[in-house]
């Protein structure tokens, strides 16, 4: 239960960080780029923390986390983009 709560909390906190620009910034392009930077920064931070807990070299875990998280973010973005085209016809 403790592990599940820690994982859930980390997921909620790390997942919320890239959403902050969409709450505080009005310009759509600035929001997108700010969110992208926050995604990368969050993944770097998570990779560093992961390296400390797993006793692996932090550079390795940062690279792995940014690569896997980045690919996941791109896939999620593309699904949303294509879903919008499918639903709205543009």
N, C-alpha and C. Protein backbone atom coordinates (compact mmCIF):
# COMPACT_ATOMS: atom_id res chain seq x y z
N UNK A 1 0.83 -1.19 0.00
CA UNK A 1 0.00 0.00 0.00
C UNK A 1 0.88 1.25 0.00
N UNK A 2 1.95 1.24 0.79
CA UNK A 2 2.84 2.39 0.85
C UNK A 2 3.46 2.66 -0.51
N UNK A 3 3.94 1.63 -1.16
CA UNK A 3 4.55 1.77 -2.48
C UNK A 3 3.54 2.30 -3.50
N UNK A 4 2.33 1.79 -3.43
CA UNK A 4 1.29 2.25 -4.35
C UNK A 4 0.96 3.72 -4.13
N UNK A 5 0.89 4.15 -2.89
CA UNK A 5 0.60 5.56 -2.59
C UNK A 5 1.72 6.49 -3.04
N UNK A 6 2.96 6.05 -2.84
CA UNK A 6 4.11 6.84 -3.28
C UNK A 6 4.11 6.95 -4.81
N UNK A 7 3.86 5.84 -5.49
CA UNK A 7 3.82 5.86 -6.95
C UNK A 7 2.70 6.75 -7.46
N UNK A 8 1.53 6.63 -6.87
CA UNK A 8 0.39 7.46 -7.27
C UNK A 8 0.69 8.94 -7.05
N UNK A 9 1.23 9.27 -5.89
CA UNK A 9 1.54 10.67 -5.57
C UNK A 9 2.59 11.24 -6.54
N UNK A 10 3.61 10.46 -6.82
CA UNK A 10 4.65 10.91 -7.75
C UNK A 10 4.07 11.12 -9.14
N UNK A 11 3.18 10.23 -9.56
CA UNK A 11 2.56 10.34 -10.88
C UNK A 11 1.72 11.61 -10.96
N UNK A 12 0.94 11.89 -9.93
CA UNK A 12 0.09 13.08 -9.93
C UNK A 12 0.94 14.35 -9.92
N UNK A 13 1.95 14.40 -9.07
CA UNK A 13 2.79 15.60 -8.98
C UNK A 13 3.57 15.81 -10.27
N UNK A 14 4.26 14.78 -10.74
CA UNK A 14 5.06 14.92 -11.96
C UNK A 14 4.17 15.19 -13.17
N UNK A 15 2.99 14.62 -13.20
CA UNK A 15 2.08 14.84 -14.32
C UNK A 15 1.46 16.23 -14.32
N UNK A 16 1.36 16.84 -13.14
CA UNK A 16 0.75 18.17 -13.04
C UNK A 16 1.72 19.28 -13.43
N UNK A 17 3.00 19.07 -13.26
CA UNK A 17 3.99 20.12 -13.51
C UNK A 17 3.89 20.69 -14.93
N UNK A 18 3.83 19.87 -15.98
CA UNK A 18 3.74 20.43 -17.33
C UNK A 18 2.41 21.12 -17.63
N UNK A 19 1.42 20.98 -16.77
CA UNK A 19 0.12 21.63 -16.98
C UNK A 19 0.09 23.06 -16.47
N UNK A 20 1.05 23.45 -15.64
CA UNK A 20 1.05 24.80 -15.07
C UNK A 20 0.99 25.91 -16.13
N UNK A 21 1.73 25.82 -17.23
CA UNK A 21 1.62 26.90 -18.23
C UNK A 21 0.20 27.08 -18.77
N UNK A 22 -0.56 26.00 -18.83
CA UNK A 22 -1.92 26.10 -19.35
C UNK A 22 -2.86 26.77 -18.36
N UNK A 23 -2.44 26.91 -17.13
CA UNK A 23 -3.22 27.61 -16.12
C UNK A 23 -2.81 29.08 -16.05
N UNK A 24 -1.52 29.36 -16.22
CA UNK A 24 -0.99 30.69 -15.95
C UNK A 24 -0.61 31.52 -17.17
N UNK A 25 -0.52 30.92 -18.34
CA UNK A 25 -0.07 31.65 -19.53
C UNK A 25 -1.19 31.68 -20.56
N UNK A 26 -1.46 32.86 -21.11
CA UNK A 26 -2.56 32.99 -22.07
C UNK A 26 -2.18 32.64 -23.50
N UNK A 27 -0.99 33.04 -23.93
CA UNK A 27 -0.56 32.81 -25.31
C UNK A 27 -0.37 31.31 -25.57
N UNK A 28 -1.08 30.81 -26.58
CA UNK A 28 -1.08 29.38 -26.86
C UNK A 28 0.30 28.84 -27.21
N UNK A 29 1.04 29.55 -28.03
CA UNK A 29 2.37 29.07 -28.44
C UNK A 29 3.33 29.07 -27.25
N UNK A 30 3.27 30.11 -26.43
CA UNK A 30 4.13 30.19 -25.25
C UNK A 30 3.78 29.08 -24.26
N UNK A 31 2.50 28.79 -24.11
CA UNK A 31 2.08 27.70 -23.22
C UNK A 31 2.67 26.38 -23.68
N UNK A 32 2.57 26.11 -24.98
CA UNK A 32 3.05 24.84 -25.51
C UNK A 32 4.56 24.68 -25.27
N UNK A 33 5.33 25.71 -25.63
CA UNK A 33 6.79 25.61 -25.47
C UNK A 33 7.19 25.56 -24.00
N UNK A 34 6.50 26.32 -23.16
CA UNK A 34 6.79 26.28 -21.73
C UNK A 34 6.49 24.89 -21.16
N UNK A 35 5.39 24.32 -21.58
CA UNK A 35 5.02 22.98 -21.13
C UNK A 35 6.04 21.95 -21.60
N UNK A 36 6.52 22.08 -22.82
CA UNK A 36 7.53 21.17 -23.36
C UNK A 36 8.81 21.23 -22.54
N UNK A 37 9.24 22.44 -22.20
CA UNK A 37 10.44 22.61 -21.37
C UNK A 37 10.23 21.99 -19.99
N UNK A 38 9.03 22.19 -19.43
CA UNK A 38 8.75 21.60 -18.12
C UNK A 38 8.69 20.07 -18.17
N UNK A 39 8.21 19.52 -19.28
CA UNK A 39 8.21 18.06 -19.43
C UNK A 39 9.64 17.54 -19.39
N UNK A 40 10.52 18.16 -20.15
CA UNK A 40 11.93 17.73 -20.19
C UNK A 40 12.58 17.89 -18.82
N UNK A 41 12.35 19.03 -18.18
CA UNK A 41 12.94 19.27 -16.85
C UNK A 41 12.42 18.27 -15.82
N UNK A 42 11.15 17.97 -15.88
CA UNK A 42 10.56 16.99 -14.96
C UNK A 42 11.15 15.61 -15.19
N UNK A 43 11.29 15.22 -16.46
CA UNK A 43 11.87 13.91 -16.76
C UNK A 43 13.33 13.83 -16.31
N UNK A 44 14.07 14.91 -16.48
CA UNK A 44 15.46 14.94 -16.00
C UNK A 44 15.49 14.76 -14.48
N UNK A 45 14.62 15.50 -13.79
CA UNK A 45 14.56 15.37 -12.33
C UNK A 45 14.17 13.97 -11.89
N UNK A 46 13.18 13.39 -12.54
CA UNK A 46 12.78 12.02 -12.20
C UNK A 46 13.89 11.02 -12.50
N UNK A 47 14.60 11.22 -13.60
CA UNK A 47 15.72 10.34 -13.92
C UNK A 47 16.83 10.44 -12.89
N UNK A 48 17.09 11.65 -12.40
CA UNK A 48 18.11 11.84 -11.38
C UNK A 48 17.70 11.16 -10.07
N UNK A 49 16.45 11.35 -9.67
CA UNK A 49 15.96 10.71 -8.46
C UNK A 49 16.00 9.19 -8.60
N UNK A 50 15.59 8.72 -9.77
CA UNK A 50 15.62 7.27 -10.03
C UNK A 50 17.03 6.73 -9.91
N UNK A 51 18.01 7.47 -10.42
CA UNK A 51 19.40 7.04 -10.33
C UNK A 51 19.88 6.93 -8.90
N UNK A 52 19.45 7.88 -8.06
CA UNK A 52 19.86 7.84 -6.65
C UNK A 52 19.25 6.66 -5.91
N UNK A 53 17.99 6.34 -6.22
CA UNK A 53 17.33 5.23 -5.54
C UNK A 53 17.81 3.88 -6.06
N UNK A 54 18.12 3.80 -7.34
CA UNK A 54 18.50 2.51 -7.93
C UNK A 54 20.01 2.25 -7.86
N UNK A 55 20.76 3.24 -7.40
CA UNK A 55 22.23 3.13 -7.30
C UNK A 55 22.89 2.98 -8.66
N UNK A 56 22.17 3.40 -9.73
CA UNK A 56 22.76 3.43 -11.06
C UNK A 56 23.33 4.81 -11.30
N UNK A 57 24.15 4.94 -12.33
CA UNK A 57 24.73 6.25 -12.65
C UNK A 57 23.61 7.20 -13.07
N UNK A 58 23.57 8.40 -12.48
CA UNK A 58 22.48 9.33 -12.79
C UNK A 58 22.37 9.71 -14.27
N UNK A 59 23.48 9.81 -14.96
CA UNK A 59 23.42 10.17 -16.38
C UNK A 59 22.67 9.09 -17.17
N UNK A 60 22.92 7.83 -16.82
CA UNK A 60 22.25 6.73 -17.50
C UNK A 60 20.75 6.76 -17.24
N UNK A 61 20.37 6.94 -15.97
CA UNK A 61 18.94 6.93 -15.66
C UNK A 61 18.25 8.19 -16.18
N UNK A 62 18.94 9.32 -16.21
CA UNK A 62 18.36 10.54 -16.79
C UNK A 62 18.11 10.31 -18.28
N UNK A 63 19.11 9.77 -19.00
CA UNK A 63 18.96 9.52 -20.42
C UNK A 63 17.80 8.56 -20.69
N UNK A 64 17.73 7.46 -19.94
CA UNK A 64 16.66 6.48 -20.13
C UNK A 64 15.28 7.10 -19.87
N UNK A 65 15.19 7.87 -18.79
CA UNK A 65 13.90 8.47 -18.42
C UNK A 65 13.46 9.50 -19.43
N UNK A 66 14.37 10.35 -19.88
CA UNK A 66 14.02 11.36 -20.88
C UNK A 66 13.66 10.70 -22.20
N UNK A 67 14.37 9.67 -22.60
CA UNK A 67 14.08 8.98 -23.85
C UNK A 67 12.71 8.31 -23.81
N UNK A 68 12.46 7.51 -22.78
CA UNK A 68 11.19 6.79 -22.69
C UNK A 68 10.03 7.77 -22.47
N UNK A 69 10.21 8.73 -21.56
CA UNK A 69 9.16 9.71 -21.30
C UNK A 69 8.91 10.61 -22.50
N UNK A 70 9.99 10.98 -23.20
CA UNK A 70 9.85 11.83 -24.38
C UNK A 70 9.09 11.13 -25.50
N UNK A 71 9.43 9.88 -25.75
CA UNK A 71 8.72 9.12 -26.77
C UNK A 71 7.25 8.95 -26.37
N UNK A 72 7.00 8.69 -25.10
CA UNK A 72 5.62 8.56 -24.62
C UNK A 72 4.85 9.86 -24.80
N UNK A 73 5.49 10.98 -24.50
CA UNK A 73 4.84 12.28 -24.65
C UNK A 73 4.52 12.58 -26.11
N UNK A 74 5.44 12.25 -27.00
CA UNK A 74 5.21 12.48 -28.44
C UNK A 74 4.05 11.61 -28.93
N UNK A 75 4.02 10.36 -28.51
CA UNK A 75 2.93 9.47 -28.93
C UNK A 75 1.60 9.99 -28.41
N UNK A 76 1.56 10.41 -27.13
CA UNK A 76 0.32 10.94 -26.55
C UNK A 76 -0.13 12.20 -27.29
N UNK A 77 0.82 13.06 -27.63
CA UNK A 77 0.49 14.29 -28.37
C UNK A 77 -0.09 13.95 -29.74
N UNK A 78 0.53 13.02 -30.44
CA UNK A 78 0.08 12.66 -31.78
C UNK A 78 -1.31 12.01 -31.74
N UNK A 79 -1.58 11.19 -30.73
CA UNK A 79 -2.91 10.60 -30.61
C UNK A 79 -3.94 11.69 -30.40
N UNK A 80 -3.63 12.66 -29.55
CA UNK A 80 -4.55 13.79 -29.34
C UNK A 80 -4.73 14.61 -30.60
N UNK A 81 -3.65 14.84 -31.32
CA UNK A 81 -3.70 15.62 -32.56
C UNK A 81 -4.58 14.92 -33.60
N UNK A 82 -4.33 13.62 -33.80
CA UNK A 82 -5.11 12.86 -34.78
C UNK A 82 -6.55 12.68 -34.32
N UNK A 83 -6.75 12.53 -33.03
CA UNK A 83 -8.11 12.42 -32.50
C UNK A 83 -8.90 13.70 -32.74
N UNK A 84 -8.25 14.84 -32.63
CA UNK A 84 -8.90 16.11 -32.90
C UNK A 84 -9.28 16.21 -34.38
N UNK A 85 -8.40 15.78 -35.26
CA UNK A 85 -8.71 15.79 -36.69
C UNK A 85 -9.88 14.86 -36.97
N UNK A 86 -9.86 13.67 -36.38
CA UNK A 86 -10.93 12.71 -36.60
C UNK A 86 -12.27 13.23 -36.09
N UNK A 87 -12.28 13.82 -34.90
CA UNK A 87 -13.52 14.27 -34.28
C UNK A 87 -14.05 15.56 -34.90
N UNK A 88 -13.15 16.46 -35.30
CA UNK A 88 -13.57 17.77 -35.78
C UNK A 88 -13.40 17.97 -37.29
N UNK A 89 -12.76 17.05 -37.94
CA UNK A 89 -12.59 17.14 -39.38
C UNK A 89 -11.51 18.12 -39.83
N UNK A 90 -10.64 18.57 -38.90
CA UNK A 90 -9.52 19.46 -39.27
C UNK A 90 -8.41 19.34 -38.28
